[in-house]
Amino acid sequence: MKNNNEYLFYCYNCPTSGYFTINGYKYFYGEDFRTAERYAEYVECGFNMVQARGENSYKGEEWEGSNCQLVFKEALKGGCTRILVTDGRFDHWIRDERDLVGEGKMFATEAELDKAVAECVAPYATQEGFYGIQLFDEPLYDQFPAYGQIMRSLKRILPDAYVQSNLLPMTAPEKLLVPQKGYSEDVATDKIATETLAVSDIYKRYVGDFQEITQADNIHFDEYPFRREYIISGNTLPNYQLVARMCKERNIDFRAVLQSFAHIWNGNYQNRRMTESDMYWQTNLAMGFGVREYSFYTYMAKPDFKYKDGPFGEMDGAAFINLDGSRTKLYEYTKRIISEMKNLSVVLRNYRYESSHIVTESGKTCKDFDWTKFLYEDEPSPIPVSVDKGVALITRQTNGENELYMLENLGNVRDELFDGIPPMRLSARLPEGEKKFYFRGEQIQATPNAEGEYTFALKVGDAIFVEIMK
């Protein structure tokens, strides 16, 4: 059931049971939000796949009356026809067993593993709406063997099923290679490697080995650019550049999880909802890098609150839907943005990522901006581009004949919110050929000046996509 040309959109933490906990104490809002009406609201926002995850995962209990069955029934009635199941047994095997098949292992042969996997999936794999399985989130390096064995088994048993496997981002190299329980004598040296190798080298091995071991037809990660106090992570761009390059080289799809909130420190952690500009910043960047599937963390406020340096948890105000079921502003503008993305996907799906480039204002370089300091690739733009302030991202995609460029204002929304900076003026000389310009999902008209330059005024996060037919 591989994804065709239609882009997938979905969220973590879908409608909840209405229960939430604070410091171990459980509370109930008096309403179970896992209803057809709530899933219809989810679909209304633009999402076309739903996860049966967390409290709705399946662990082998009686299917009739299970939380997972409830999601199937209500999501289908609400118009969501793709349902992704998390099976807690597979997650347990991956987390606790580094190798599943062989003498003295959990399964003596692949045939035994396949039999067990087939028994696990039997209750839900034949259900109307079943689309695929979501495996263990953010695996560590030593979990790859078990992960790959389950993934290959699923492909033998359910060859058309979608399998979601979300990887760690390029943030903590010691988590990527240093095993928890030991993987091989060779990897025992990786603790030294994490101290001597570049983070990008470590991450490339982590991602590359995962794809080779599992034979996944995509690379999927969660990379959240927006940190506390309006800081943009320096890992985001190199992370996207590296994975986009690997997807290009291996001819596989690129999939990503985007964020719906950042943290602010004000004596304790508080959430900051993504502004409209933040959301455009993320979605345009991902489209420019050729991402074909988009999920968001998180749709409904997570119902688990733990105390760590003060109140900490995905609380009200930062998700699409609050704990009590009320919509936030994020819901409304993301609904519009997803609609625009779907319109543009008709064009984007014909192209594949080729390269990315940074352009800065005169007198500055990428080293002058915290979020562009550590680029994985730092080549000059293939087309002449200038900006009057800040920093812009230029990406190039091709289909072997024509080209698609993205020109994005990659500034910090802090400057827009607090300093009132005007939109960036970006000028570009474009290659010869018939040109089509797209802004926020719509085709627009653009006219060059006497010197052949096209100039655009772009707010933070805004982007122009230019299709050039040669």
Protein backbone atom coordinates (compact mmCIF):
# COMPACT_ATOMS: atom_id res chain seq x y z
CA MET A 1 0.00 0.00 0.00
CA LYS A 2 2.77 2.38 -0.92
CA ASN A 3 1.80 6.00 -1.04
CA ASN A 4 1.16 7.12 -4.60
CA ASN A 5 1.30 10.72 -5.71
CA GLU A 6 -1.07 11.89 -2.98
CA TYR A 7 0.76 13.48 -0.07
CA LEU A 8 -0.08 12.17 3.40
CA PHE A 9 -0.88 14.48 6.31
CA TYR A 10 -1.46 13.26 9.86
CA CYS A 11 -0.78 14.04 13.50
CA TYR A 12 0.55 12.49 16.66
CA ASN A 13 -1.85 12.34 19.60
CA CYS A 14 -5.17 12.19 17.82
CA PRO A 15 -8.48 12.66 19.70
CA THR A 16 -8.13 11.28 23.22
CA SER A 17 -10.32 9.38 25.68
CA GLY A 18 -10.76 12.57 27.72
CA TYR A 19 -8.57 11.31 30.57
CA PHE A 20 -5.42 13.12 31.59
CA THR A 21 -2.95 12.77 34.44
CA ILE A 22 -0.98 15.29 36.47
CA ASN A 23 1.79 13.90 38.65
CA GLY A 24 0.21 10.47 38.61
CA TYR A 25 -3.32 11.63 39.44
CA LYS A 26 -5.93 10.85 36.81
CA TYR A 27 -8.70 13.26 35.76
CA PHE A 28 -11.59 13.06 33.29
CA TYR A 29 -13.05 15.90 31.25
CA GLY A 30 -16.38 14.12 31.05
CA GLU A 31 -16.18 13.53 27.31
CA ASP A 32 -14.51 10.85 25.19
CA PHE A 33 -13.21 12.70 22.14
CA ARG A 34 -12.78 9.54 20.05
CA THR A 35 -16.01 10.11 18.15
CA ALA A 36 -16.97 10.34 14.48
CA GLU A 37 -17.58 14.07 14.91
CA ARG A 38 -14.08 14.63 16.29
CA TYR A 39 -12.45 12.57 13.54
CA ALA A 40 -14.48 14.53 10.99
CA GLU A 41 -12.99 17.69 12.54
CA TYR A 42 -9.53 16.14 12.15
CA VAL A 43 -10.24 15.41 8.46
CA GLU A 44 -11.63 18.94 8.04
CA CYS A 45 -8.21 20.31 9.00
CA GLY A 46 -6.73 18.44 6.05
CA PHE A 47 -5.41 15.25 7.62
CA ASN A 48 -5.91 12.06 5.60
CA MET A 49 -4.38 9.42 7.89
CA VAL A 50 -5.02 8.72 11.58
CA GLN A 51 -2.89 6.85 14.12
CA ALA A 52 -4.16 4.30 16.60
CA ARG A 53 -1.31 4.99 18.99
CA GLY A 54 -0.64 5.45 22.72
CA GLU A 55 -3.83 4.61 24.62
CA ASN A 56 -5.27 3.34 21.32
CA SER A 57 -2.42 1.01 20.38
CA TYR A 58 -3.16 -2.71 20.13
CA LYS A 59 -1.42 -5.14 22.47
CA GLY A 60 -3.17 -8.44 21.76
CA GLU A 61 -6.30 -7.93 23.86
CA GLU A 62 -9.75 -9.02 22.72
CA TRP A 63 -10.41 -7.05 19.54
CA GLU A 64 -14.11 -6.50 20.23
CA GLY A 65 -14.42 -3.55 22.59
CA SER A 66 -10.75 -2.56 22.35
CA ASN A 67 -9.61 1.04 22.06
CA CYS A 68 -8.07 0.22 18.70
CA GLN A 69 -11.37 -1.08 17.36
CA LEU A 70 -13.07 2.10 18.61
CA VAL A 71 -10.64 4.22 16.55
CA PHE A 72 -11.40 2.15 13.43
CA LYS A 73 -15.16 2.48 13.86
CA GLU A 74 -15.29 6.17 14.68
CA ALA A 75 -12.51 7.33 12.34
CA LEU A 76 -14.13 5.61 9.39
CA LYS A 77 -17.50 7.18 10.22
CA GLY A 78 -15.70 10.54 10.45
CA GLY A 79 -14.28 10.16 6.95
CA CYS A 80 -10.72 9.05 7.72
CA THR A 81 -10.09 5.98 5.56
CA ARG A 82 -6.39 5.38 6.33
CA ILE A 83 -5.68 4.01 9.79
CA LEU A 84 -2.20 3.33 11.10
CA VAL A 85 -1.88 0.84 13.97
CA THR A 86 0.80 0.74 16.64
CA ASP A 87 1.19 -2.82 17.89
CA GLY A 88 2.73 -2.75 21.36
CA ARG A 89 4.12 -6.27 20.98
CA PHE A 90 6.36 -5.27 18.07
CA ASP A 91 7.59 -2.25 20.02
CA HIS A 92 8.37 -4.52 22.98
CA TRP A 93 10.38 -6.90 20.78
CA ILE A 94 12.38 -4.05 19.24
CA ARG A 95 13.02 -2.31 22.55
CA ASP A 96 13.98 -5.40 24.56
CA GLU A 97 15.54 -7.77 22.00
CA ARG A 98 18.46 -6.70 19.83
CA ASP A 99 18.18 -9.78 17.58
CA LEU A 100 15.04 -11.90 17.17
CA VAL A 101 15.97 -14.78 14.86
CA GLY A 102 18.52 -17.56 15.30
CA GLU A 103 19.68 -20.27 17.65
CA GLY A 104 18.86 -19.36 21.23
CA LYS A 105 16.87 -16.30 20.10
CA MET A 106 13.18 -15.50 20.48
CA PHE A 107 12.48 -17.19 17.11
CA ALA A 108 14.60 -19.97 15.68
CA THR A 109 13.74 -19.17 12.06
CA GLU A 110 12.19 -16.43 9.94
CA ALA A 111 9.24 -18.76 9.39
CA GLU A 112 8.58 -18.81 13.14
CA LEU A 113 8.83 -15.01 13.26
CA ASP A 114 6.44 -14.68 10.32
CA LYS A 115 3.93 -16.97 12.03
CA ALA A 116 4.03 -14.86 15.21
CA VAL A 117 3.76 -11.59 13.28
CA ALA A 118 0.83 -12.93 11.25
CA GLU A 119 -0.97 -13.86 14.46
CA CYS A 120 -0.36 -10.38 15.86
CA VAL A 121 -1.75 -8.51 12.85
CA ALA A 122 -4.72 -10.84 12.20
CA PRO A 123 -7.32 -8.90 14.26
CA TYR A 124 -6.75 -5.53 12.58
CA ALA A 125 -5.10 -6.17 9.18
CA THR A 126 -8.39 -7.27 7.61
CA GLN A 127 -10.41 -4.38 9.04
CA GLU A 128 -11.85 -1.77 6.70
CA GLY A 129 -9.60 1.27 6.80
CA PHE A 130 -6.40 -0.56 7.77
CA TYR A 131 -3.53 1.19 6.01
CA GLY A 132 -0.40 0.08 7.82
CA ILE A 133 1.66 -0.26 10.98
CA GLN A 134 3.66 2.26 12.96
CA LEU A 135 6.76 0.68 14.47
CA PHE A 136 8.84 1.71 17.47
CA ASP A 137 9.57 5.45 17.53
CA GLU A 138 13.15 6.78 17.31
CA PRO A 139 15.11 3.51 17.46
CA LEU A 140 18.67 3.41 18.77
CA TYR A 141 21.43 1.85 16.73
CA ASP A 142 21.49 -1.45 18.61
CA GLN A 143 17.76 -1.92 17.97
CA PHE A 144 18.22 -1.99 14.19
CA PRO A 145 18.58 -5.81 13.80
CA ALA A 146 15.26 -6.58 15.52
CA TYR A 147 13.66 -3.61 13.78
CA GLY A 148 14.74 -4.87 10.38
CA GLN A 149 13.60 -8.42 11.07
CA ILE A 150 10.10 -7.25 12.00
CA MET A 151 9.95 -4.83 9.09
CA ARG A 152 10.94 -7.48 6.56
CA SER A 153 8.50 -9.94 8.12
CA LEU A 154 5.67 -7.43 7.78
CA LYS A 155 6.54 -6.93 4.14
CA ARG A 156 6.38 -10.69 3.56
CA ILE A 157 3.02 -11.00 5.33
CA LEU A 158 1.44 -7.67 4.32
CA PRO A 159 3.32 -6.67 1.14
CA ASP A 160 0.98 -3.77 0.41
CA ALA A 161 0.91 -2.33 3.93
CA TYR A 162 2.44 1.01 4.78
CA VAL A 163 5.10 0.78 7.51
CA GLN A 164 6.03 3.94 9.42
CA SER A 165 9.48 4.07 11.01
CA ASN A 166 10.45 7.41 12.49
CA LEU A 167 14.15 8.04 13.18
CA LEU A 168 15.96 10.29 15.62
CA PRO A 169 17.10 13.67 14.30
CA MET A 170 20.68 14.88 14.22
CA THR A 171 20.74 16.14 17.80
CA ALA A 172 22.49 13.70 20.14
CA PRO A 173 25.17 11.60 18.42
CA GLU A 174 25.83 9.54 21.55
CA LYS A 175 22.28 8.17 21.19
CA LEU A 176 22.79 7.23 17.57
CA LEU A 177 25.71 4.81 17.69
CA VAL A 178 26.60 3.94 21.27
CA PRO A 179 24.48 0.86 22.04
CA GLN A 180 22.53 0.36 25.22
CA LYS A 181 23.24 -3.37 25.52
CA GLY A 182 26.02 -3.96 23.01
CA TYR A 183 25.59 -4.62 19.31
CA SER A 184 28.96 -5.94 18.17
CA GLU A 185 32.61 -5.67 19.04
CA ASP A 186 33.01 -3.19 16.20
CA VAL A 187 30.42 -0.79 17.59
CA ALA A 188 32.14 -0.84 20.98
CA THR A 189 34.59 1.64 19.45
CA ASP A 190 31.81 4.04 18.52
CA LYS A 191 31.96 5.80 21.89
CA ILE A 192 35.35 7.06 20.78
CA ALA A 193 33.94 7.79 17.32
CA THR A 194 31.26 10.08 18.75
CA GLU A 195 34.04 12.18 20.25
CA THR A 196 36.15 12.37 17.10
CA LEU A 197 33.78 12.21 14.10
CA ALA A 198 31.67 15.07 12.82
CA VAL A 199 28.04 14.84 13.93
CA SER A 200 26.97 14.65 10.28
CA ASP A 201 29.22 11.61 9.71
CA ILE A 202 27.72 9.84 12.71
CA TYR A 203 24.19 10.70 11.63
CA LYS A 204 24.81 9.58 8.06
CA ARG A 205 25.91 6.18 9.37
CA TYR A 206 22.88 5.97 11.67
CA VAL A 207 20.41 6.73 8.87
CA GLY A 208 22.26 4.79 6.18
CA ASP A 209 22.65 1.62 8.25
CA PHE A 210 18.99 1.74 9.29
CA GLN A 211 17.83 1.96 5.68
CA GLU A 212 20.15 -0.82 4.54
CA ILE A 213 19.21 -3.15 7.41
CA THR A 214 15.46 -2.57 7.14
CA GLN A 215 15.29 -2.00 3.36
CA ALA A 216 12.81 0.80 4.08
CA ASP A 217 11.54 2.61 0.98
CA ASN A 218 11.81 5.97 2.73
CA ILE A 219 13.70 7.93 5.38
CA HIS A 220 11.46 9.45 8.02
CA PHE A 221 12.55 11.71 10.89
CA ASP A 222 11.30 14.30 13.36
CA GLU A 223 13.38 17.47 13.33
CA TYR A 224 12.06 20.44 15.31
CA PRO A 225 13.74 23.74 14.42
CA PHE A 226 12.09 26.01 16.98
CA ARG A 227 13.64 25.93 20.45
CA ARG A 228 13.21 28.04 23.57
CA GLU A 229 13.15 31.84 23.44
CA TYR A 230 12.77 31.92 19.63
CA ILE A 231 16.04 30.07 19.03
CA ILE A 232 16.26 28.19 15.73
CA SER A 233 18.25 24.96 15.89
CA GLY A 234 21.54 24.81 14.00
CA ASN A 235 20.86 21.12 13.30
CA THR A 236 17.74 21.62 11.19
CA LEU A 237 19.27 22.61 7.86
CA PRO A 238 22.14 20.09 7.86
CA ASN A 239 19.67 17.41 8.96
CA TYR A 240 17.38 18.16 6.01
CA GLN A 241 20.30 18.50 3.60
CA LEU A 242 21.84 15.18 4.58
CA VAL A 243 18.61 13.18 4.47
CA ALA A 244 17.42 14.79 1.23
CA ARG A 245 20.76 13.91 -0.35
CA MET A 246 20.54 10.29 0.87
CA CYS A 247 16.97 9.96 -0.40
CA LYS A 248 18.08 11.26 -3.78
CA GLU A 249 21.04 8.86 -3.96
CA ARG A 250 18.92 5.86 -2.90
CA ASN A 251 15.83 6.88 -4.90
CA ILE A 252 13.53 6.65 -1.88
CA ASP A 253 10.97 8.99 -0.33
CA PHE A 254 11.61 11.65 2.31
CA ARG A 255 9.08 11.96 5.17
CA ALA A 256 9.12 14.30 8.16
CA VAL A 257 7.43 15.18 11.43
CA LEU A 258 6.93 18.91 12.00
CA GLN A 259 6.29 20.63 15.32
CA SER A 260 3.26 22.47 16.67
CA PHE A 261 4.89 24.11 19.68
CA ALA A 262 8.19 25.21 21.20
CA HIS A 263 9.12 25.80 24.82
CA ILE A 264 9.66 29.09 26.63
CA TRP A 265 11.51 29.23 29.93
CA ASN A 266 9.90 31.63 32.39
CA GLY A 267 10.90 30.16 35.74
CA ASN A 268 9.41 26.94 34.40
CA TYR A 269 8.63 25.50 31.01
CA GLN A 270 5.73 26.97 29.10
CA ASN A 271 4.61 26.20 25.58
CA ARG A 272 4.78 28.53 22.63
CA ARG A 273 2.39 27.71 19.82
CA MET A 274 3.82 27.84 16.30
CA THR A 275 2.83 31.14 14.70
CA GLU A 276 1.50 31.23 11.16
CA SER A 277 4.95 32.34 9.96
CA ASP A 278 6.60 29.48 11.88
CA MET A 279 4.29 26.98 10.22
CA TYR A 280 5.02 28.37 6.76
CA TRP A 281 8.75 28.32 7.65
CA GLN A 282 8.57 24.58 8.36
CA THR A 283 6.23 23.48 5.59
CA ASN A 284 7.89 25.48 2.82
CA LEU A 285 11.32 24.26 3.89
CA ALA A 286 10.12 20.64 3.87
CA MET A 287 8.47 21.00 0.45
CA GLY A 288 11.65 22.57 -0.91
CA PHE A 289 13.62 19.54 0.26
CA GLY A 290 11.21 17.17 -1.48
CA VAL A 291 9.33 15.83 1.57
CA ARG A 292 6.29 13.85 0.48
CA GLU A 293 4.63 13.10 3.80
CA TYR A 294 3.91 15.45 6.70
CA SER A 295 2.95 14.68 10.26
CA PHE A 296 2.74 17.08 13.19
CA TYR A 297 3.49 16.81 16.89
CA THR A 298 0.94 17.19 18.34
CA TYR A 299 -2.77 17.38 17.32
CA MET A 300 -4.49 17.26 20.72
CA ALA A 301 -2.76 18.39 23.90
CA LYS A 302 -1.00 15.38 25.39
CA PRO A 303 -2.83 14.17 28.50
CA ASP A 304 0.25 13.30 30.56
CA PHE A 305 1.86 16.01 32.72
CA LYS A 306 5.12 15.37 34.56
CA TYR A 307 7.11 17.74 36.68
CA LYS A 308 10.68 18.38 35.60
CA ASP A 309 12.17 21.75 36.48
CA GLY A 310 8.64 23.00 36.93
CA PRO A 311 5.41 22.09 35.05
CA PHE A 312 6.41 20.32 31.87
CA GLY A 313 4.16 18.71 29.29
CA GLU A 314 2.42 19.39 26.00
CA MET A 315 -0.22 21.57 27.61
CA ASP A 316 -3.14 23.63 26.37
CA GLY A 317 -2.57 26.32 23.79
CA ALA A 318 0.21 24.68 21.81
CA ALA A 319 -1.55 21.81 20.02
CA PHE A 320 -4.24 22.02 17.34
CA ILE A 321 -6.86 21.04 19.94
CA ASN A 322 -6.82 21.80 23.68
CA LEU A 323 -7.43 19.17 26.38
CA ASP A 324 -11.09 20.21 26.62
CA GLY A 325 -11.59 19.79 22.85
CA SER A 326 -11.56 23.47 21.91
CA ARG A 327 -9.71 24.56 18.76
CA THR A 328 -6.66 26.79 18.86
CA LYS A 329 -5.65 29.36 16.24
CA LEU A 330 -3.07 26.83 15.06
CA TYR A 331 -5.89 24.60 13.83
CA GLU A 332 -7.35 27.37 11.68
CA TYR A 333 -4.24 28.54 9.88
CA THR A 334 -2.76 25.06 9.49
CA LYS A 335 -6.03 24.00 7.88
CA ARG A 336 -5.50 26.70 5.26
CA ILE A 337 -1.78 25.90 4.87
CA ILE A 338 -2.44 22.18 4.32
CA SER A 339 -5.01 23.05 1.66
CA GLU A 340 -2.40 25.21 -0.06
CA MET A 341 0.18 22.42 0.20
CA LYS A 342 -2.20 19.95 -1.41
CA ASN A 343 -2.77 22.37 -4.28
CA LEU A 344 0.97 22.76 -4.80
CA SER A 345 1.64 19.01 -4.49
CA VAL A 346 0.11 18.56 -7.95
CA VAL A 347 3.22 20.38 -9.22
CA LEU A 348 5.77 19.17 -6.66
CA ARG A 349 5.08 15.46 -7.10
CA ASN A 350 6.57 15.65 -10.60
CA TYR A 351 9.99 16.68 -9.28
CA ARG A 352 12.79 15.24 -7.14
CA TYR A 353 15.20 17.09 -4.87
CA GLU A 354 18.55 18.07 -6.36
CA SER A 355 20.31 20.65 -4.17
CA SER A 356 19.95 23.40 -1.54
CA HIS A 357 21.77 26.69 -1.04
CA ILE A 358 21.91 29.60 1.39
CA VAL A 359 21.97 33.28 0.38
CA THR A 360 22.60 36.03 2.93
CA GLU A 361 22.44 39.80 2.94
CA SER A 362 25.50 41.68 1.70
CA GLY A 363 28.39 41.69 4.17
CA LYS A 364 27.30 38.51 5.95
CA THR A 365 27.77 34.78 5.46
CA CYS A 366 25.95 31.69 6.69
CA LYS A 367 28.28 31.72 9.72
CA ASP A 368 26.55 34.90 10.94
CA PHE A 369 23.24 33.12 11.58
CA ASP A 370 22.91 30.49 14.30
CA TRP A 371 20.64 28.24 12.23
CA THR A 372 22.91 28.24 9.12
CA LYS A 373 26.30 27.75 10.78
CA PHE A 374 26.58 24.01 10.37
CA LEU A 375 25.43 23.29 6.82
CA TYR A 376 26.01 19.78 5.51
CA GLU A 377 26.41 21.25 2.01
CA ASP A 378 27.49 24.84 1.41
CA GLU A 379 27.61 25.44 -2.33
CA PRO A 380 26.74 28.78 -3.97
CA SER A 381 23.31 29.18 -5.45
CA PRO A 382 23.02 27.91 -9.03
CA ILE A 383 21.00 31.02 -9.87
CA PRO A 384 21.94 34.61 -8.94
CA VAL A 385 19.90 35.61 -5.87
CA SER A 386 20.23 38.62 -3.56
CA VAL A 387 18.36 39.63 -0.40
CA ASP A 388 18.24 43.02 1.31
CA LYS A 389 18.36 41.52 4.82
CA GLY A 390 18.56 38.21 6.62
CA VAL A 391 19.00 34.81 5.04
CA ALA A 392 17.19 32.90 2.29
CA LEU A 393 17.01 29.23 1.37
CA ILE A 394 17.16 28.26 -2.30
CA THR A 395 16.32 24.68 -3.28
CA ARG A 396 16.41 23.10 -6.73
CA GLN A 397 14.35 20.13 -7.88
CA THR A 398 14.33 18.49 -11.30
CA ASN A 399 12.43 15.89 -13.31
CA GLY A 400 15.23 15.32 -15.81
CA GLU A 401 13.92 17.96 -18.16
CA ASN A 402 12.41 20.86 -16.25
CA GLU A 403 13.37 22.57 -13.00
CA LEU A 404 11.58 23.76 -9.87
CA TYR A 405 13.18 26.35 -7.58
CA MET A 406 12.04 27.39 -4.12
CA LEU A 407 13.05 30.81 -2.74
CA GLU A 408 12.24 31.11 0.99
CA ASN A 409 12.73 33.81 3.62
CA LEU A 410 14.46 31.76 6.30
CA GLY A 411 14.46 34.50 8.93
CA ASN A 412 13.56 34.30 12.61
CA VAL A 413 9.93 35.10 13.43
CA ARG A 414 11.20 36.87 16.57
CA ASP A 415 12.37 39.78 14.40
CA GLU A 416 8.98 39.99 12.72
CA LEU A 417 7.02 39.80 15.99
CA PHE A 418 9.09 42.07 18.23
CA ASP A 419 11.11 44.32 15.94
CA GLY A 420 8.50 44.78 13.23
CA ILE A 421 10.91 44.14 10.38
CA PRO A 422 9.30 44.52 6.95
CA PRO A 423 9.20 41.64 4.45
CA MET A 424 12.48 40.60 2.83
CA ARG A 425 13.10 41.84 -0.69
CA LEU A 426 14.48 38.91 -2.65
CA SER A 427 15.67 39.30 -6.24
CA ALA A 428 16.58 36.46 -8.58
CA ARG A 429 17.73 35.95 -12.15
CA LEU A 430 16.05 32.81 -13.40
CA PRO A 431 17.10 30.38 -16.15
CA GLU A 432 15.61 30.59 -19.62
CA GLY A 433 12.32 28.85 -20.26
CA GLU A 434 8.60 29.21 -19.70
CA LYS A 435 8.05 30.14 -16.05
CA LYS A 436 5.20 29.48 -13.66
CA PHE A 437 5.21 31.10 -10.22
CA TYR A 438 3.41 29.74 -7.15
CA PHE A 439 2.78 31.40 -3.80
CA ARG A 440 0.83 29.79 -0.97
CA GLY A 441 -0.53 27.10 -3.27
CA GLU A 442 -1.76 29.43 -6.02
CA GLN A 443 -0.25 30.33 -9.35
CA ILE A 444 0.67 34.02 -9.48
CA GLN A 445 1.96 36.45 -12.09
CA ALA A 446 5.50 37.86 -11.91
CA THR A 447 7.22 40.32 -14.23
CA PRO A 448 10.98 40.90 -14.49
CA ASN A 449 12.57 44.34 -14.49
CA ALA A 450 14.60 45.73 -17.39
CA GLU A 451 17.67 43.73 -16.25
CA GLY A 452 15.68 40.48 -16.19
CA GLU A 453 15.45 40.24 -12.38
CA TYR A 454 12.35 39.08 -10.55
CA THR A 455 11.80 40.68 -7.14
CA PHE A 456 9.51 39.42 -4.40
CA ALA A 457 8.55 40.69 -0.94
CA LEU A 458 8.54 37.72 1.44
CA LYS A 459 7.51 37.62 5.10
CA VAL A 460 9.38 35.24 7.39
CA GLY A 461 8.61 31.69 6.29
CA ASP A 462 7.07 32.69 2.96
CA ALA A 463 8.38 31.13 -0.23
CA ILE A 464 8.02 31.47 -3.99
CA PHE A 465 8.12 28.26 -6.06
CA VAL A 466 9.17 28.72 -9.68
CA GLU A 467 8.64 26.02 -12.28
CA ILE A 468 10.80 26.41 -15.39
CA MET A 469 9.90 24.46 -18.53
CA LYS A 470 12.79 24.28 -20.94
